[in-house]
Amino acid sequence: MSAPVQLPVTWFPRRTRAVLLPVSALLVVMFSAIAVALPANWQLNDRVAMVVSGLVFAGAGLMLARPKVSADAEGVTVVNFVRSRRLAWAEIVRVNFRQGDPWASLDLADGTSLAAVGIQAGVGHQQAVSAARALRDLVEGHGRAPAEV
């Protein structure tokens, strides 16, 4: 059995961010340099479009680097690619992370499920399993009354 997790805690794919954040910055620099280096017969709107393209690609990279799962005394915040959702501990029924799943998912009290992309197998299966177990332990410790767990 592992040591209990101390709150607050945040899980996120570190290697993914370590790659995507510098690559996003590099895209902006590269597309801007290309816009400046374009031949003289290219119009200003072409140059602006090149810079905007770099910003769009960088924005996509930043969006992919966004996912995280944060837990504190009041509950869990799940930040996925586009949306964030704040959950009270009692709203989470179970943490699932089955073999072959790309990321953990949370079964919620309203009968729905929520992907927790911040805990993902693609960046280290054992690390993701440990994070999912830690979140599961926190849910069991903070969640519903014992009769309902």
N, C-alpha and C. Protein backbone atom coordinates (compact mmCIF):
# COMPACT_ATOMS: atom_id res chain seq x y z
N MET A 1 0.85 -1.19 0.00
CA MET A 1 0.00 0.00 0.00
C MET A 1 0.88 1.24 0.00
N SER A 2 0.58 2.20 -0.81
CA SER A 2 1.37 3.42 -0.90
C SER A 2 0.98 4.40 0.20
N ALA A 3 1.86 5.37 0.40
CA ALA A 3 1.61 6.40 1.41
C ALA A 3 0.43 7.26 0.97
N PRO A 4 -0.35 7.77 1.94
CA PRO A 4 -1.49 8.61 1.56
C PRO A 4 -1.02 9.90 0.86
N VAL A 5 -1.83 10.36 -0.06
CA VAL A 5 -1.52 11.56 -0.83
C VAL A 5 -1.90 12.79 0.00
N GLN A 6 -1.01 13.76 0.01
CA GLN A 6 -1.27 15.01 0.72
C GLN A 6 -1.95 16.00 -0.21
N LEU A 7 -3.00 16.63 0.26
CA LEU A 7 -3.73 17.62 -0.53
C LEU A 7 -3.15 19.00 -0.29
N PRO A 8 -3.18 19.88 -1.25
CA PRO A 8 -3.64 19.71 -2.62
C PRO A 8 -2.61 18.96 -3.47
N VAL A 9 -3.09 18.32 -4.52
CA VAL A 9 -2.23 17.57 -5.43
C VAL A 9 -2.74 17.76 -6.86
N THR A 10 -1.82 17.79 -7.80
CA THR A 10 -2.18 17.92 -9.21
C THR A 10 -1.43 16.87 -10.02
N TRP A 11 -2.17 16.21 -10.91
CA TRP A 11 -1.57 15.26 -11.82
C TRP A 11 -1.70 15.80 -13.23
N PHE A 12 -0.63 15.72 -14.01
CA PHE A 12 -0.67 16.13 -15.40
C PHE A 12 0.45 15.40 -16.14
N PRO A 13 0.30 15.23 -17.46
CA PRO A 13 1.33 14.53 -18.23
C PRO A 13 2.56 15.42 -18.43
N ARG A 14 3.55 15.25 -17.59
CA ARG A 14 4.74 16.12 -17.59
C ARG A 14 5.50 16.08 -18.92
N ARG A 15 5.72 14.89 -19.45
CA ARG A 15 6.48 14.79 -20.70
C ARG A 15 5.74 15.44 -21.86
N THR A 16 4.44 15.31 -21.88
CA THR A 16 3.65 15.94 -22.94
C THR A 16 3.83 17.44 -22.89
N ARG A 17 3.73 18.01 -21.70
CA ARG A 17 3.92 19.46 -21.56
C ARG A 17 5.35 19.87 -21.88
N ALA A 18 6.31 19.04 -21.46
CA ALA A 18 7.71 19.37 -21.71
C ALA A 18 8.02 19.43 -23.20
N VAL A 19 7.27 18.70 -24.00
CA VAL A 19 7.45 18.73 -25.45
C VAL A 19 6.59 19.82 -26.08
N LEU A 20 5.32 19.86 -25.73
CA LEU A 20 4.39 20.75 -26.43
C LEU A 20 4.62 22.24 -26.15
N LEU A 21 4.99 22.61 -24.95
CA LEU A 21 5.18 24.03 -24.66
C LEU A 21 6.33 24.64 -25.46
N PRO A 22 7.53 24.02 -25.48
CA PRO A 22 8.59 24.59 -26.32
C PRO A 22 8.28 24.51 -27.82
N VAL A 23 7.64 23.42 -28.25
CA VAL A 23 7.30 23.30 -29.67
C VAL A 23 6.32 24.39 -30.07
N SER A 24 5.36 24.71 -29.21
CA SER A 24 4.40 25.77 -29.51
C SER A 24 5.11 27.11 -29.65
N ALA A 25 6.04 27.39 -28.75
CA ALA A 25 6.80 28.64 -28.85
C ALA A 25 7.64 28.66 -30.14
N LEU A 26 8.24 27.52 -30.45
CA LEU A 26 9.05 27.42 -31.66
C LEU A 26 8.21 27.65 -32.92
N LEU A 27 6.99 27.16 -32.92
CA LEU A 27 6.11 27.36 -34.08
C LEU A 27 5.84 28.84 -34.33
N VAL A 28 5.59 29.58 -33.26
CA VAL A 28 5.34 31.02 -33.42
C VAL A 28 6.58 31.71 -33.97
N VAL A 29 7.74 31.38 -33.42
CA VAL A 29 8.99 31.99 -33.89
C VAL A 29 9.26 31.61 -35.34
N MET A 30 9.09 30.32 -35.66
CA MET A 30 9.38 29.84 -37.01
C MET A 30 8.45 30.47 -38.05
N PHE A 31 7.15 30.49 -37.78
CA PHE A 31 6.22 31.07 -38.75
C PHE A 31 6.43 32.58 -38.87
N SER A 32 6.80 33.24 -37.79
CA SER A 32 7.10 34.68 -37.85
C SER A 32 8.34 34.93 -38.68
N ALA A 33 9.37 34.09 -38.50
CA ALA A 33 10.60 34.23 -39.29
C ALA A 33 10.32 33.99 -40.77
N ILE A 34 9.49 33.01 -41.06
CA ILE A 34 9.12 32.75 -42.46
C ILE A 34 8.39 33.95 -43.04
N ALA A 35 7.49 34.55 -42.24
CA ALA A 35 6.74 35.72 -42.72
C ALA A 35 7.68 36.87 -43.06
N VAL A 36 8.73 37.05 -42.28
CA VAL A 36 9.69 38.13 -42.54
C VAL A 36 10.55 37.79 -43.76
N ALA A 37 10.88 36.50 -43.91
CA ALA A 37 11.79 36.09 -44.98
C ALA A 37 11.10 35.85 -46.32
N LEU A 38 9.80 36.00 -46.38
CA LEU A 38 9.09 35.77 -47.64
C LEU A 38 9.59 36.74 -48.73
N PRO A 39 9.54 36.32 -49.98
CA PRO A 39 9.99 37.21 -51.07
C PRO A 39 9.21 38.53 -51.09
N ALA A 40 9.80 39.53 -51.65
CA ALA A 40 9.23 40.88 -51.67
C ALA A 40 7.88 40.94 -52.38
N ASN A 41 7.61 40.01 -53.29
CA ASN A 41 6.34 40.07 -54.02
C ASN A 41 5.17 39.52 -53.20
N TRP A 42 5.40 39.05 -52.00
CA TRP A 42 4.31 38.61 -51.11
C TRP A 42 3.72 39.83 -50.42
N GLN A 43 2.41 39.87 -50.31
CA GLN A 43 1.70 41.01 -49.72
C GLN A 43 1.75 40.96 -48.19
N LEU A 44 1.40 42.08 -47.57
CA LEU A 44 1.35 42.15 -46.11
C LEU A 44 0.34 41.15 -45.55
N ASN A 45 -0.81 41.02 -46.22
CA ASN A 45 -1.81 40.07 -45.71
C ASN A 45 -1.31 38.63 -45.76
N ASP A 46 -0.43 38.29 -46.69
CA ASP A 46 0.18 36.96 -46.74
C ASP A 46 1.10 36.74 -45.53
N ARG A 47 1.84 37.78 -45.20
CA ARG A 47 2.76 37.71 -44.06
C ARG A 47 1.97 37.59 -42.74
N VAL A 48 0.92 38.37 -42.66
CA VAL A 48 0.08 38.31 -41.45
C VAL A 48 -0.57 36.92 -41.34
N ALA A 49 -1.02 36.38 -42.45
CA ALA A 49 -1.62 35.05 -42.45
C ALA A 49 -0.61 33.99 -42.00
N MET A 50 0.64 34.17 -42.37
CA MET A 50 1.68 33.22 -41.95
C MET A 50 1.87 33.28 -40.43
N VAL A 51 1.92 34.49 -39.87
CA VAL A 51 2.07 34.63 -38.42
C VAL A 51 0.84 34.07 -37.71
N VAL A 52 -0.34 34.36 -38.22
CA VAL A 52 -1.58 33.85 -37.62
C VAL A 52 -1.60 32.32 -37.67
N SER A 53 -1.11 31.75 -38.76
CA SER A 53 -1.04 30.28 -38.86
C SER A 53 -0.16 29.72 -37.75
N GLY A 54 0.97 30.34 -37.51
CA GLY A 54 1.85 29.91 -36.42
C GLY A 54 1.16 30.00 -35.08
N LEU A 55 0.40 31.07 -34.87
CA LEU A 55 -0.33 31.23 -33.62
C LEU A 55 -1.42 30.17 -33.46
N VAL A 56 -2.09 29.83 -34.56
CA VAL A 56 -3.13 28.80 -34.51
C VAL A 56 -2.52 27.44 -34.16
N PHE A 57 -1.42 27.09 -34.83
CA PHE A 57 -0.77 25.81 -34.53
C PHE A 57 -0.25 25.78 -33.09
N ALA A 58 0.31 26.89 -32.63
CA ALA A 58 0.78 26.97 -31.26
C ALA A 58 -0.39 26.85 -30.28
N GLY A 59 -1.52 27.48 -30.62
CA GLY A 59 -2.71 27.37 -29.76
C GLY A 59 -3.19 25.93 -29.65
N ALA A 60 -3.13 25.20 -30.76
CA ALA A 60 -3.52 23.78 -30.72
C ALA A 60 -2.57 23.00 -29.81
N GLY A 61 -1.29 23.30 -29.90
CA GLY A 61 -0.32 22.64 -29.02
C GLY A 61 -0.57 22.96 -27.56
N LEU A 62 -0.87 24.21 -27.27
CA LEU A 62 -1.17 24.61 -25.89
C LEU A 62 -2.45 23.94 -25.39
N MET A 63 -3.42 23.79 -26.27
CA MET A 63 -4.66 23.11 -25.89
C MET A 63 -4.38 21.65 -25.54
N LEU A 64 -3.52 20.99 -26.29
CA LEU A 64 -3.17 19.60 -26.01
C LEU A 64 -2.35 19.46 -24.73
N ALA A 65 -1.68 20.53 -24.32
CA ALA A 65 -0.88 20.50 -23.09
C ALA A 65 -1.69 20.86 -21.85
N ARG A 66 -2.94 21.23 -22.00
CA ARG A 66 -3.79 21.70 -20.91
C ARG A 66 -4.22 20.68 -19.87
N PRO A 67 -4.49 19.43 -20.23
CA PRO A 67 -5.13 18.52 -19.28
C PRO A 67 -4.39 18.35 -17.96
N LYS A 68 -5.19 18.36 -16.90
CA LYS A 68 -4.67 18.09 -15.56
C LYS A 68 -5.85 17.73 -14.66
N VAL A 69 -5.53 17.10 -13.56
CA VAL A 69 -6.52 16.76 -12.54
C VAL A 69 -5.96 17.27 -11.23
N SER A 70 -6.70 18.15 -10.57
CA SER A 70 -6.27 18.72 -9.30
C SER A 70 -7.26 18.35 -8.21
N ALA A 71 -6.73 17.94 -7.07
CA ALA A 71 -7.58 17.60 -5.93
C ALA A 71 -7.19 18.46 -4.75
N ASP A 72 -8.21 18.93 -4.03
CA ASP A 72 -7.98 19.67 -2.79
C ASP A 72 -9.02 19.23 -1.77
N ALA A 73 -9.08 19.87 -0.65
CA ALA A 73 -9.98 19.44 0.42
C ALA A 73 -11.45 19.48 0.02
N GLU A 74 -11.83 20.37 -0.90
CA GLU A 74 -13.23 20.51 -1.29
C GLU A 74 -13.65 19.59 -2.42
N GLY A 75 -12.70 19.14 -3.25
CA GLY A 75 -13.08 18.29 -4.38
C GLY A 75 -12.00 18.21 -5.43
N VAL A 76 -12.43 17.96 -6.65
CA VAL A 76 -11.52 17.71 -7.77
C VAL A 76 -11.86 18.65 -8.91
N THR A 77 -10.83 19.19 -9.55
CA THR A 77 -10.99 19.97 -10.76
C THR A 77 -10.37 19.19 -11.90
N VAL A 78 -11.17 18.91 -12.93
CA VAL A 78 -10.69 18.18 -14.10
C VAL A 78 -10.61 19.19 -15.25
N VAL A 79 -9.41 19.39 -15.75
CA VAL A 79 -9.19 20.27 -16.90
C VAL A 79 -8.83 19.38 -18.08
N ASN A 80 -9.70 19.35 -19.08
CA ASN A 80 -9.44 18.58 -20.28
C ASN A 80 -9.04 19.53 -21.40
N PHE A 81 -9.06 19.08 -22.63
CA PHE A 81 -8.55 19.89 -23.73
C PHE A 81 -9.23 21.24 -23.86
N VAL A 82 -10.55 21.27 -23.75
CA VAL A 82 -11.29 22.50 -23.97
C VAL A 82 -12.02 22.96 -22.71
N ARG A 83 -12.55 22.02 -21.95
CA ARG A 83 -13.40 22.36 -20.81
C ARG A 83 -12.76 22.00 -19.49
N SER A 84 -13.22 22.70 -18.45
CA SER A 84 -12.85 22.39 -17.07
C SER A 84 -14.12 22.10 -16.29
N ARG A 85 -14.00 21.24 -15.31
CA ARG A 85 -15.17 20.94 -14.49
C ARG A 85 -14.72 20.75 -13.05
N ARG A 86 -15.42 21.41 -12.15
CA ARG A 86 -15.17 21.30 -10.71
C ARG A 86 -16.18 20.33 -10.12
N LEU A 87 -15.70 19.35 -9.36
CA LEU A 87 -16.56 18.33 -8.76
C LEU A 87 -16.33 18.29 -7.25
N ALA A 88 -17.41 18.22 -6.50
CA ALA A 88 -17.30 17.96 -5.07
C ALA A 88 -16.97 16.48 -4.90
N TRP A 89 -16.33 16.14 -3.81
CA TRP A 89 -15.95 14.73 -3.58
C TRP A 89 -17.16 13.80 -3.69
N ALA A 90 -18.28 14.22 -3.15
CA ALA A 90 -19.47 13.37 -3.14
C ALA A 90 -20.03 13.10 -4.54
N GLU A 91 -19.66 13.92 -5.53
CA GLU A 91 -20.15 13.71 -6.89
C GLU A 91 -19.43 12.57 -7.60
N ILE A 92 -18.27 12.17 -7.10
CA ILE A 92 -17.48 11.13 -7.75
C ILE A 92 -17.76 9.79 -7.09
N VAL A 93 -18.27 8.86 -7.88
CA VAL A 93 -18.61 7.53 -7.37
C VAL A 93 -17.41 6.60 -7.45
N ARG A 94 -16.70 6.66 -8.59
CA ARG A 94 -15.59 5.71 -8.80
C ARG A 94 -14.59 6.29 -9.79
N VAL A 95 -13.33 5.88 -9.62
CA VAL A 95 -12.27 6.21 -10.57
C VAL A 95 -11.96 4.95 -11.36
N ASN A 96 -12.03 5.02 -12.67
CA ASN A 96 -11.75 3.88 -13.54
C ASN A 96 -10.50 4.13 -14.37
N PHE A 97 -9.66 3.10 -14.45
CA PHE A 97 -8.51 3.17 -15.33
C PHE A 97 -8.16 1.73 -15.69
N ARG A 98 -8.90 1.20 -16.65
CA ARG A 98 -8.75 -0.20 -17.05
C ARG A 98 -7.60 -0.37 -18.04
N GLN A 99 -7.10 -1.57 -18.13
CA GLN A 99 -6.05 -1.90 -19.09
C GLN A 99 -6.50 -1.50 -20.49
N GLY A 100 -5.67 -0.76 -21.19
CA GLY A 100 -5.99 -0.33 -22.55
C GLY A 100 -6.67 1.02 -22.63
N ASP A 101 -7.15 1.56 -21.51
CA ASP A 101 -7.77 2.89 -21.53
C ASP A 101 -6.69 3.94 -21.77
N PRO A 102 -6.97 4.96 -22.59
CA PRO A 102 -5.97 6.00 -22.83
C PRO A 102 -5.81 6.93 -21.63
N TRP A 103 -6.86 7.08 -20.81
CA TRP A 103 -6.81 7.93 -19.63
C TRP A 103 -7.84 7.46 -18.63
N ALA A 104 -7.73 8.00 -17.43
CA ALA A 104 -8.68 7.64 -16.37
C ALA A 104 -10.03 8.28 -16.67
N SER A 105 -11.07 7.70 -16.08
CA SER A 105 -12.40 8.31 -16.18
C SER A 105 -13.05 8.24 -14.80
N LEU A 106 -13.94 9.17 -14.57
CA LEU A 106 -14.64 9.27 -13.30
C LEU A 106 -16.11 8.95 -13.52
N ASP A 107 -16.64 7.98 -12.77
CA ASP A 107 -18.08 7.74 -12.77
C ASP A 107 -18.69 8.71 -11.77
N LEU A 108 -19.70 9.42 -12.20
CA LEU A 108 -20.29 10.47 -11.38
C LEU A 108 -21.64 10.05 -10.82
N ALA A 109 -22.05 10.69 -9.74
CA ALA A 109 -23.29 10.36 -9.05
C ALA A 109 -24.52 10.56 -9.93
N ASP A 110 -24.45 11.43 -10.94
CA ASP A 110 -25.60 11.66 -11.81
C ASP A 110 -25.71 10.61 -12.92
N GLY A 111 -24.85 9.59 -12.89
CA GLY A 111 -24.91 8.52 -13.87
C GLY A 111 -24.05 8.74 -15.10
N THR A 112 -23.37 9.87 -15.18
CA THR A 112 -22.50 10.16 -16.32
C THR A 112 -21.06 9.78 -15.98
N SER A 113 -20.23 9.92 -16.98
CA SER A 113 -18.81 9.64 -16.82
C SER A 113 -18.04 10.85 -17.33
N LEU A 114 -16.89 11.12 -16.74
CA LEU A 114 -16.06 12.26 -17.14
C LEU A 114 -14.64 11.77 -17.36
N ALA A 115 -14.10 12.04 -18.55
CA ALA A 115 -12.70 11.70 -18.83
C ALA A 115 -11.80 12.59 -17.99
N ALA A 116 -10.79 11.98 -17.40
CA ALA A 116 -9.77 12.71 -16.65
C ALA A 116 -8.47 12.58 -17.44
N VAL A 117 -8.33 13.37 -18.50
CA VAL A 117 -7.24 13.24 -19.45
C VAL A 117 -5.89 13.56 -18.81
N GLY A 118 -5.89 14.27 -17.72
CA GLY A 118 -4.64 14.58 -17.03
C GLY A 118 -3.93 13.35 -16.47
N ILE A 119 -4.66 12.26 -16.32
CA ILE A 119 -4.07 10.99 -15.89
C ILE A 119 -4.14 10.07 -17.10
N GLN A 120 -3.05 10.02 -17.88
CA GLN A 120 -3.08 9.29 -19.13
C GLN A 120 -1.92 8.31 -19.23
N ALA A 121 -2.20 7.19 -19.88
CA ALA A 121 -1.23 6.10 -20.00
C ALA A 121 -0.14 6.40 -21.02
N GLY A 122 -0.39 7.28 -21.95
CA GLY A 122 0.55 7.52 -23.03
C GLY A 122 1.89 8.07 -22.60
N VAL A 123 1.99 8.58 -21.41
CA VAL A 123 3.25 9.18 -20.96
C VAL A 123 3.93 8.36 -19.87
N GLY A 124 3.44 7.19 -19.62
CA GLY A 124 4.02 6.31 -18.61
C GLY A 124 2.92 5.55 -17.91
N HIS A 125 2.76 4.30 -18.28
CA HIS A 125 1.64 3.51 -17.76
C HIS A 125 1.69 3.39 -16.24
N GLN A 126 2.84 3.07 -15.69
CA GLN A 126 2.92 2.88 -14.24
C GLN A 126 2.65 4.17 -13.49
N GLN A 127 3.14 5.28 -14.01
CA GLN A 127 2.87 6.59 -13.41
C GLN A 127 1.38 6.89 -13.42
N ALA A 128 0.71 6.58 -14.53
CA ALA A 128 -0.73 6.82 -14.65
C ALA A 128 -1.51 5.92 -13.71
N VAL A 129 -1.11 4.66 -13.58
CA VAL A 129 -1.79 3.74 -12.67
C VAL A 129 -1.65 4.23 -11.23
N SER A 130 -0.46 4.68 -10.87
CA SER A 130 -0.24 5.21 -9.51
C SER A 130 -1.10 6.43 -9.24
N ALA A 131 -1.19 7.32 -10.22
CA ALA A 131 -2.02 8.52 -10.06
C ALA A 131 -3.49 8.16 -9.94
N ALA A 132 -3.96 7.22 -10.76
CA ALA A 132 -5.37 6.79 -10.69
C ALA A 132 -5.67 6.14 -9.35
N ARG A 133 -4.75 5.34 -8.85
CA ARG A 133 -4.95 4.71 -7.53
C ARG A 133 -4.98 5.76 -6.42
N ALA A 134 -4.09 6.74 -6.51
CA ALA A 134 -4.08 7.80 -5.51
C ALA A 134 -5.39 8.58 -5.53
N LEU A 135 -5.89 8.89 -6.72
CA LEU A 135 -7.17 9.60 -6.83
C LEU A 135 -8.29 8.73 -6.30
N ARG A 136 -8.27 7.45 -6.62
CA ARG A 136 -9.29 6.52 -6.12
C ARG A 136 -9.29 6.50 -4.59
N ASP A 137 -8.11 6.45 -3.99
CA ASP A 137 -8.01 6.46 -2.52
C ASP A 137 -8.56 7.75 -1.94
N LEU A 138 -8.29 8.87 -2.61
CA LEU A 138 -8.83 10.15 -2.13
C LEU A 138 -10.34 10.18 -2.25
N VAL A 139 -10.87 9.67 -3.36
CA VAL A 139 -12.33 9.62 -3.55
C VAL A 139 -12.96 8.77 -2.45
N GLU A 140 -12.37 7.62 -2.18
CA GLU A 140 -12.92 6.74 -1.14
C GLU A 140 -12.82 7.38 0.24
N GLY A 141 -11.78 8.15 0.48
CA GLY A 141 -11.61 8.81 1.77
C GLY A 141 -12.47 10.04 1.98
N HIS A 142 -12.82 10.73 0.89
CA HIS A 142 -13.57 11.98 0.99
C HIS A 142 -15.00 11.89 0.49
N GLY A 143 -15.32 10.79 -0.19
CA GLY A 143 -16.57 10.72 -0.91
C GLY A 143 -17.78 10.43 -0.04
N ARG A 144 -18.62 9.59 -0.58
CA ARG A 144 -19.92 9.29 0.01
C ARG A 144 -19.80 8.59 1.36
N ALA A 145 -20.94 8.51 2.02
CA ALA A 145 -21.00 7.79 3.29
C ALA A 145 -20.62 6.33 3.05
N PRO A 146 -20.02 5.64 4.02
CA PRO A 146 -19.53 4.28 3.83
C PRO A 146 -20.58 3.32 3.27
N ALA A 147 -21.85 3.49 3.59
CA ALA A 147 -22.88 2.58 3.09
C ALA A 147 -23.02 2.66 1.56
N GLU A 148 -22.64 3.79 0.98
CA GLU A 148 -22.82 4.01 -0.45
C GLU A 148 -21.57 3.76 -1.25
N VAL A 149 -20.42 3.55 -0.61
CA VAL A 149 -19.16 3.40 -1.34
C VAL A 149 -19.07 2.05 -2.00
